[in-house]
Each structure stands twice: as structure tokens, then as C-alpha cells.
PDB file of N, CA and C in Angstrom:
ATOM      1  N   MET A   1      21.356  23.722  66.245  1.00  0.00           N
ATOM      2  CA  MET A   1      22.706  23.219  66.157  1.00  0.00           C
ATOM      3  C   MET A   1      23.198  22.951  67.568  1.00  0.00           C
ATOM      4  N   LEU A   2      23.864  21.835  67.737  1.00  0.00           N
ATOM      5  CA  LEU A   2      24.410  21.498  69.041  1.00  0.00           C
ATOM      6  C   LEU A   2      25.553  22.437  69.393  1.00  0.00           C
ATOM      7  N   LYS A   3      25.634  22.759  70.671  1.00  0.00           N
ATOM      8  CA  LYS A   3      26.664  23.678  71.138  1.00  0.00           C
ATOM      9  C   LYS A   3      28.066  23.135  70.876  1.00  0.00           C
ATOM     10  N   CYS A   4      28.233  21.817  70.935  1.00  0.00           N
ATOM     11  CA  CYS A   4      29.554  21.212  70.741  1.00  0.00           C
ATOM     12  C   CYS A   4      30.109  21.462  69.342  1.00  0.00           C
ATOM     13  N   TRP A   5      29.238  21.712  68.357  1.00  0.00           N
ATOM     14  CA  TRP A   5      29.718  21.953  67.003  1.00  0.00           C
ATOM     15  C   TRP A   5      30.508  23.247  66.905  1.00  0.00           C
ATOM     16  N   LYS A   6      30.252  24.187  67.821  1.00  0.00           N
ATOM     17  CA  LYS A   6      30.996  25.447  67.801  1.00  0.00           C
ATOM     18  C   LYS A   6      32.475  25.224  68.044  1.00  0.00           C
ATOM     19  N   ASP A   7      32.831  24.120  68.714  1.00  0.00           N
ATOM     20  CA  ASP A   7      34.227  23.827  69.024  1.00  0.00           C
ATOM     21  C   ASP A   7      34.991  23.253  67.832  1.00  0.00           C
ATOM     22  N   ILE A   8      34.287  22.826  66.804  1.00  0.00           N
ATOM     23  CA  ILE A   8      34.926  22.252  65.617  1.00  0.00           C
ATOM     24  C   ILE A   8      35.407  23.401  64.723  1.00  0.00           C
ATOM     25  N   PRO A   9      36.701  23.447  64.435  1.00  0.00           N
ATOM     26  CA  PRO A   9      37.198  24.522  63.567  1.00  0.00           C
ATOM     27  C   PRO A   9      36.572  24.449  62.173  1.00  0.00           C
ATOM     28  N   GLY A  10      36.114  25.576  61.681  1.00  0.00           N
ATOM     29  CA  GLY A  10      35.550  25.649  60.338  1.00  0.00           C
ATOM     30  C   GLY A  10      34.094  25.255  60.228  1.00  0.00           C
ATOM     31  N   CYS A  11      33.458  24.872  61.318  1.00  0.00           N
ATOM     32  CA  CYS A  11      32.060  24.427  61.263  1.00  0.00           C
ATOM     33  C   CYS A  11      31.144  25.565  60.823  1.00  0.00           C
ATOM     34  N   HIS A  12      31.338  26.735  61.408  1.00  0.00           N
ATOM     35  CA  HIS A  12      30.480  27.876  61.084  1.00  0.00           C
ATOM     36  C   HIS A  12      30.575  28.214  59.592  1.00  0.00           C
ATOM     37  N   GLN A  13      31.781  28.224  59.061  1.00  0.00           N
ATOM     38  CA  GLN A  13      31.969  28.532  57.648  1.00  0.00           C
ATOM     39  C   GLN A  13      31.377  27.434  56.764  1.00  0.00           C
ATOM     40  N   PHE A  14      31.492  26.175  57.185  1.00  0.00           N
ATOM     41  CA  PHE A  14      30.919  25.058  56.434  1.00  0.00           C
ATOM     42  C   PHE A  14      29.402  25.212  56.317  1.00  0.00           C
ATOM     43  N   VAL A  15      28.746  25.496  57.443  1.00  0.00           N
ATOM     44  CA  VAL A  15      27.290  25.663  57.439  1.00  0.00           C
ATOM     45  C   VAL A  15      26.905  26.852  56.562  1.00  0.00           C
ATOM     46  N   ARG A  16      27.639  27.939  56.688  1.00  0.00           N
ATOM     47  CA  ARG A  16      27.362  29.129  55.883  1.00  0.00           C
ATOM     48  C   ARG A  16      27.514  28.820  54.387  1.00  0.00           C
ATOM     49  N   ASP A  17      28.570  28.098  54.024  1.00  0.00           N
ATOM     50  CA  ASP A  17      28.793  27.746  52.617  1.00  0.00           C
ATOM     51  C   ASP A  17      27.686  26.850  52.076  1.00  0.00           C
ATOM     52  N   LYS A  18      27.280  25.854  52.856  1.00  0.00           N
ATOM     53  CA  LYS A  18      26.220  24.942  52.415  1.00  0.00           C
ATOM     54  C   LYS A  18      24.895  25.678  52.277  1.00  0.00           C
ATOM     55  N   TRP A  19      24.617  26.599  53.213  1.00  0.00           N
ATOM     56  CA  TRP A  19      23.369  27.354  53.184  1.00  0.00           C
ATOM     57  C   TRP A  19      23.306  28.220  51.929  1.00  0.00           C
ATOM     58  N   THR A  20      24.404  28.891  51.599  1.00  0.00           N
ATOM     59  CA  THR A  20      24.399  29.755  50.419  1.00  0.00           C
ATOM     60  C   THR A  20      24.465  28.946  49.122  1.00  0.00           C
ATOM     61  N   ALA A  21      24.925  27.703  49.190  1.00  0.00           N
ATOM     62  CA  ALA A  21      24.996  26.863  47.995  1.00  0.00           C
ATOM     63  C   ALA A  21      23.617  26.407  47.529  1.00  0.00           C
ATOM     64  N   LEU A  22      22.624  26.446  48.407  1.00  0.00           N
ATOM     65  CA  LEU A  22      21.265  26.084  48.016  1.00  0.00           C
ATOM     66  C   LEU A  22      20.704  27.227  47.168  1.00  0.00           C
ATOM     67  N   GLN A  23      20.704  27.060  45.870  1.00  0.00           N
ATOM     68  CA  GLN A  23      20.303  28.120  44.945  1.00  0.00           C
ATOM     69  C   GLN A  23      18.809  28.061  44.671  1.00  0.00           C
ATOM     70  N   ILE A  24      18.095  29.059  45.192  1.00  0.00           N
ATOM     71  CA  ILE A  24      16.657  29.174  44.984  1.00  0.00           C
ATOM     72  C   ILE A  24      16.377  30.630  44.640  1.00  0.00           C
ATOM     73  N   ASP A  25      15.603  30.861  43.598  1.00  0.00           N
ATOM     74  CA  ASP A  25      15.281  32.223  43.177  1.00  0.00           C
ATOM     75  C   ASP A  25      13.933  32.639  43.734  1.00  0.00           C
ATOM     76  N   GLY A  26      13.801  33.913  44.026  1.00  0.00           N
ATOM     77  CA  GLY A  26      12.546  34.465  44.507  1.00  0.00           C
ATOM     78  C   GLY A  26      12.792  35.490  45.597  1.00  0.00           C
ATOM     79  N   TRP A  27      11.712  35.953  46.185  1.00  0.00           N
ATOM     80  CA  TRP A  27      11.845  36.929  47.260  1.00  0.00           C
ATOM     81  C   TRP A  27      12.294  36.229  48.535  1.00  0.00           C
ATOM     82  N   GLY A  28      12.813  36.990  49.491  1.00  0.00           N
ATOM     83  CA  GLY A  28      13.465  36.456  50.686  1.00  0.00           C
ATOM     84  C   GLY A  28      12.677  35.410  51.447  1.00  0.00           C
ATOM     85  N   GLY A  29      11.403  35.682  51.713  1.00  0.00           N
ATOM     86  CA  GLY A  29      10.584  34.739  52.471  1.00  0.00           C
ATOM     87  C   GLY A  29      10.401  33.418  51.752  1.00  0.00           C
ATOM     88  N   PHE A  30      10.225  33.487  50.444  1.00  0.00           N
ATOM     89  CA  PHE A  30      10.060  32.276  49.644  1.00  0.00           C
ATOM     90  C   PHE A  30      11.340  31.451  49.652  1.00  0.00           C
ATOM     91  N   VAL A  31      12.479  32.109  49.486  1.00  0.00           N
ATOM     92  CA  VAL A  31      13.771  31.416  49.479  1.00  0.00           C
ATOM     93  C   VAL A  31      13.992  30.710  50.807  1.00  0.00           C
ATOM     94  N   LEU A  32      13.715  31.402  51.914  1.00  0.00           N
ATOM     95  CA  LEU A  32      13.880  30.811  53.245  1.00  0.00           C
ATOM     96  C   LEU A  32      12.985  29.588  53.414  1.00  0.00           C
ATOM     97  N   LYS A  33      11.722  29.720  53.003  1.00  0.00           N
ATOM     98  CA  LYS A  33      10.778  28.600  53.117  1.00  0.00           C
ATOM     99  C   LYS A  33      11.253  27.396  52.310  1.00  0.00           C
ATOM    100  N   GLU A  34      11.706  27.630  51.093  1.00  0.00           N
ATOM    101  CA  GLU A  34      12.159  26.541  50.236  1.00  0.00           C
ATOM    102  C   GLU A  34      13.427  25.880  50.772  1.00  0.00           C
ATOM    103  N   LYS A  35      14.326  26.669  51.356  1.00  0.00           N
ATOM    104  CA  LYS A  35      15.535  26.092  51.942  1.00  0.00           C
ATOM    105  C   LYS A  35      15.181  25.210  53.131  1.00  0.00           C
ATOM    106  N   PHE A  36      14.231  25.663  53.946  1.00  0.00           N
ATOM    107  CA  PHE A  36      13.798  24.833  55.071  1.00  0.00           C
ATOM    108  C   PHE A  36      13.117  23.558  54.585  1.00  0.00           C
ATOM    109  N   LYS A  37      12.366  23.636  53.485  1.00  0.00           N
ATOM    110  CA  LYS A  37      11.745  22.438  52.922  1.00  0.00           C
ATOM    111  C   LYS A  37      12.801  21.453  52.441  1.00  0.00           C
ATOM    112  N   LEU A  38      13.869  21.953  51.823  1.00  0.00           N
ATOM    113  CA  LEU A  38      14.952  21.074  51.373  1.00  0.00           C
ATOM    114  C   LEU A  38      15.630  20.395  52.555  1.00  0.00           C
ATOM    115  N   ILE A  39      15.878  21.159  53.616  1.00  0.00           N
ATOM    116  CA  ILE A  39      16.501  20.587  54.811  1.00  0.00           C
ATOM    117  C   ILE A  39      15.597  19.523  55.412  1.00  0.00           C
ATOM    118  N   SER A  40      14.296  19.799  55.457  1.00  0.00           N
ATOM    119  CA  SER A  40      13.340  18.826  55.985  1.00  0.00           C
ATOM    120  C   SER A  40      13.310  17.567  55.121  1.00  0.00           C
ATOM    121  N   ARG A  41      13.368  17.739  53.815  1.00  0.00           N
ATOM    122  CA  ARG A  41      13.376  16.588  52.891  1.00  0.00           C
ATOM    123  C   ARG A  41      14.619  15.734  53.108  1.00  0.00           C
ATOM    124  N   ILE A  42      15.772  16.374  53.252  1.00  0.00           N
ATOM    125  CA  ILE A  42      17.014  15.645  53.508  1.00  0.00           C
ATOM    126  C   ILE A  42      16.908  14.877  54.813  1.00  0.00           C
ATOM    127  N   ASP A  43      16.344  15.519  55.838  1.00  0.00           N
ATOM    128  CA  ASP A  43      16.204  14.874  57.141  1.00  0.00           C
ATOM    129  C   ASP A  43      15.303  13.642  57.057  1.00  0.00           C
ATOM    130  N   SER A  44      14.189  13.747  56.342  1.00  0.00           N
ATOM    131  CA  SER A  44      13.288  12.591  56.229  1.00  0.00           C
ATOM    132  C   SER A  44      13.925  11.472  55.405  1.00  0.00           C
ATOM    133  N   LEU A  45      14.682  11.828  54.368  1.00  0.00           N
ATOM    134  CA  LEU A  45      15.380  10.806  53.579  1.00  0.00           C
ATOM    135  C   LEU A  45      16.431  10.088  54.420  1.00  0.00           C
ATOM    136  N   LYS A  46      17.153  10.848  55.237  1.00  0.00           N
ATOM    137  CA  LYS A  46      18.171  10.237  56.089  1.00  0.00           C
ATOM    138  C   LYS A  46      17.536   9.309  57.120  1.00  0.00           C
ATOM    139  N   ALA A  47      16.372   9.676  57.644  1.00  0.00           N
ATOM    140  CA  ALA A  47      15.684   8.824  58.615  1.00  0.00           C
ATOM    141  C   ALA A  47      15.248   7.516  57.959  1.00  0.00           C
ATOM    142  N   ARG A  48      14.700   7.593  56.751  1.00  0.00           N
ATOM    143  CA  ARG A  48      14.273   6.383  56.039  1.00  0.00           C
ATOM    144  C   ARG A  48      15.476   5.521  55.669  1.00  0.00           C
ATOM    145  N   PHE A  49      16.575   6.160  55.251  1.00  0.00           N
ATOM    146  CA  PHE A  49      17.806   5.453  54.918  1.00  0.00           C
ATOM    147  C   PHE A  49      18.321   4.701  56.138  1.00  0.00           C
ATOM    148  N   SER A  50      18.310   5.364  57.280  1.00  0.00           N
ATOM    149  CA  SER A  50      18.774   4.745  58.523  1.00  0.00           C
ATOM    150  C   SER A  50      17.892   3.559  58.909  1.00  0.00           C
ATOM    151  N   ALA A  51      16.577   3.711  58.729  1.00  0.00           N
ATOM    152  CA  ALA A  51      15.659   2.618  59.053  1.00  0.00           C
ATOM    153  C   ALA A  51      15.918   1.405  58.160  1.00  0.00           C
ATOM    154  N   LEU A  52      16.135   1.642  56.882  1.00  0.00           N
ATOM    155  CA  LEU A  52      16.415   0.535  55.968  1.00  0.00           C
ATOM    156  C   LEU A  52      17.762  -0.110  56.273  1.00  0.00           C
ATOM    157  N   GLU A  53      18.758   0.699  56.619  1.00  0.00           N
ATOM    158  CA  GLU A  53      20.059   0.136  56.984  1.00  0.00           C
ATOM    159  C   GLU A  53      19.941  -0.731  58.232  1.00  0.00           C
ATOM    160  N   GLY A  54      19.181  -0.255  59.220  1.00  0.00           N
ATOM    161  CA  GLY A  54      18.978  -1.030  60.442  1.00  0.00           C
ATOM    162  C   GLY A  54      18.278  -2.343  60.165  1.00  0.00           C
ATOM    163  N   LYS A  55      17.273  -2.289  59.312  1.00  0.00           N
ATOM    164  CA  LYS A  55      16.564  -3.513  58.949  1.00  0.00           C
ATOM    165  C   LYS A  55      17.499  -4.462  58.208  1.00  0.00           C
ATOM    166  N   GLY A  56      18.365  -3.905  57.361  1.00  0.00           N
ATOM    167  CA  GLY A  56      19.312  -4.717  56.606  1.00  0.00           C
ATOM    168  C   GLY A  56      20.337  -5.404  57.483  1.00  0.00           C
ATOM    169  N   GLU A  57      20.629  -4.839  58.647  1.00  0.00           N
ATOM    170  CA  GLU A  57      21.550  -5.484  59.583  1.00  0.00           C
ATOM    171  C   GLU A  57      20.913  -6.697  60.240  1.00  0.00           C
ATOM    172  N   ASP A  58      19.585  -6.656  60.412  1.00  0.00           N
ATOM    173  CA  ASP A  58      18.879  -7.745  61.087  1.00  0.00           C
ATOM    174  C   ASP A  58      18.433  -8.849  60.132  1.00  0.00           C
ATOM    175  N   GLU A  59      18.090  -8.468  58.920  1.00  0.00           N
ATOM    176  CA  GLU A  59      17.579  -9.443  57.952  1.00  0.00           C
ATOM    177  C   GLU A  59      17.905  -8.966  56.540  1.00  0.00           C
ATOM    178  N   ASP A  60      17.710  -9.845  55.580  1.00  0.00           N
ATOM    179  CA  ASP A  60      17.950  -9.476  54.186  1.00  0.00           C
ATOM    180  C   ASP A  60      16.846  -8.547  53.696  1.00  0.00           C
ATOM    181  N   LEU A  61      17.247  -7.538  52.935  1.00  0.00           N
ATOM    182  CA  LEU A  61      16.276  -6.615  52.362  1.00  0.00           C
ATOM    183  C   LEU A  61      15.736  -7.183  51.055  1.00  0.00           C
ATOM    184  N   SER A  62      14.486  -6.867  50.768  1.00  0.00           N
ATOM    185  CA  SER A  62      13.892  -7.292  49.499  1.00  0.00           C
ATOM    186  C   SER A  62      14.482  -6.455  48.366  1.00  0.00           C
ATOM    187  N   GLU A  63      14.228  -6.878  47.145  1.00  0.00           N
ATOM    188  CA  GLU A  63      14.717  -6.130  45.980  1.00  0.00           C
ATOM    189  C   GLU A  63      14.173  -4.707  45.982  1.00  0.00           C
ATOM    190  N   ALA A  64      12.892  -4.565  46.317  1.00  0.00           N
ATOM    191  CA  ALA A  64      12.275  -3.238  46.346  1.00  0.00           C
ATOM    192  C   ALA A  64      12.938  -2.354  47.398  1.00  0.00           C
ATOM    193  N   GLU A  65      13.257  -2.933  48.548  1.00  0.00           N
ATOM    194  CA  GLU A  65      13.910  -2.166  49.611  1.00  0.00           C
ATOM    195  C   GLU A  65      15.333  -1.774  49.217  1.00  0.00           C
ATOM    196  N   LEU A  66      16.035  -2.671  48.533  1.00  0.00           N
ATOM    197  CA  LEU A  66      17.380  -2.339  48.053  1.00  0.00           C
ATOM    198  C   LEU A  66      17.337  -1.211  47.023  1.00  0.00           C
ATOM    199  N   GLU A  67      16.368  -1.270  46.135  1.00  0.00           N
ATOM    200  CA  GLU A  67      16.208  -0.204  45.147  1.00  0.00           C
ATOM    201  C   GLU A  67      15.878   1.118  45.831  1.00  0.00           C
ATOM    202  N   GLU A  68      15.002   1.052  46.849  1.00  0.00           N
ATOM    203  CA  GLU A  68      14.656   2.263  47.590  1.00  0.00           C
ATOM    204  C   GLU A  68      15.881   2.828  48.302  1.00  0.00           C
ATOM    205  N   LEU A  69      16.705   1.963  48.877  1.00  0.00           N
ATOM    206  CA  LEU A  69      17.920   2.385  49.566  1.00  0.00           C
ATOM    207  C   LEU A  69      18.856   3.111  48.599  1.00  0.00           C
ATOM    208  N   HIS A  70      19.027   2.580  47.409  1.00  0.00           N
ATOM    209  CA  HIS A  70      19.884   3.221  46.408  1.00  0.00           C
ATOM    210  C   HIS A  70      19.282   4.533  45.916  1.00  0.00           C
ATOM    211  N   ARG A  71      17.961   4.553  45.735  1.00  0.00           N
ATOM    212  CA  ARG A  71      17.290   5.777  45.289  1.00  0.00           C
ATOM    213  C   ARG A  71      17.417   6.873  46.339  1.00  0.00           C
ATOM    214  N   ILE A  72      17.228   6.502  47.606  1.00  0.00           N
ATOM    215  CA  ILE A  72      17.345   7.479  48.689  1.00  0.00           C
ATOM    216  C   ILE A  72      18.753   8.050  48.737  1.00  0.00           C
ATOM    217  N   SER A  73      19.729   7.182  48.602  1.00  0.00           N
ATOM    218  CA  SER A  73      21.120   7.632  48.619  1.00  0.00           C
ATOM    219  C   SER A  73      21.388   8.635  47.502  1.00  0.00           C
ATOM    220  N   SER A  74      20.926   8.343  46.308  1.00  0.00           N
ATOM    221  CA  SER A  74      21.149   9.277  45.197  1.00  0.00           C
ATOM    222  C   SER A  74      20.334  10.556  45.376  1.00  0.00           C
ATOM    223  N   ASP A  75      19.127  10.457  45.947  1.00  0.00           N
ATOM    224  CA  ASP A  75      18.320  11.654  46.211  1.00  0.00           C
ATOM    225  C   ASP A  75      19.016  12.579  47.202  1.00  0.00           C
ATOM    226  N   ILE A  76      19.592  12.011  48.247  1.00  0.00           N
ATOM    227  CA  ILE A  76      20.288  12.819  49.251  1.00  0.00           C
ATOM    228  C   ILE A  76      21.458  13.549  48.604  1.00  0.00           C
ATOM    229  N   HIS A  77      22.220  12.841  47.784  1.00  0.00           N
ATOM    230  CA  HIS A  77      23.388  13.459  47.156  1.00  0.00           C
ATOM    231  C   HIS A  77      23.002  14.483  46.097  1.00  0.00           C
ATOM    232  N   SER A  78      21.836  14.327  45.490  1.00  0.00           N
ATOM    233  CA  SER A  78      21.414  15.293  44.474  1.00  0.00           C
ATOM    234  C   SER A  78      20.901  16.587  45.099  1.00  0.00           C
ATOM    235  N   LEU A  79      20.475  16.512  46.365  1.00  0.00           N
ATOM    236  CA  LEU A  79      20.003  17.726  47.033  1.00  0.00           C
ATOM    237  C   LEU A  79      21.195  18.461  47.566  1.00  0.00           C
TER     238      LEU A  79
END
């Protein structure tokens, strides 16, 4: 986490709330591993979303790319 985020009021509580909202059952190590996998999945989806958005600014996206963009958006929100 960037140091500057500490200056934002409520940031610590927001992160804590989001972390506990990830509901995974199992023993502690398994839960931690699965939460990190979810965070990694969100990060990779956001990177692909950003790449498609950048491409869309330069040229028209194909139908498949538009569908992928919408799917990625819904996947991010479902996680």
C-alpha cells in the first residue's frame, strides 16, 4: 500500500472491511492463500480491462473485444 493512502480518512477501515468481506471457509492458511488469489485475479482483470480501454481509444474494438470488455467488467464486480 502506498504511504500516501494513510493520509486519506477512512482508508484503513475501508481496506479492513473489504478484506473481511471476502468470505472463504477453511483453515487460516487456506483462507489467506485464497484471498491473495482473488486479489491477484482482480489485478489481472483490471490490467486486461485497461489494455482493452487503451486500444479502444486508438481504434475500434472488434465484437469479441467488446464482449470481453463487458465480461471483464462484470467479473470484477462479481468478485
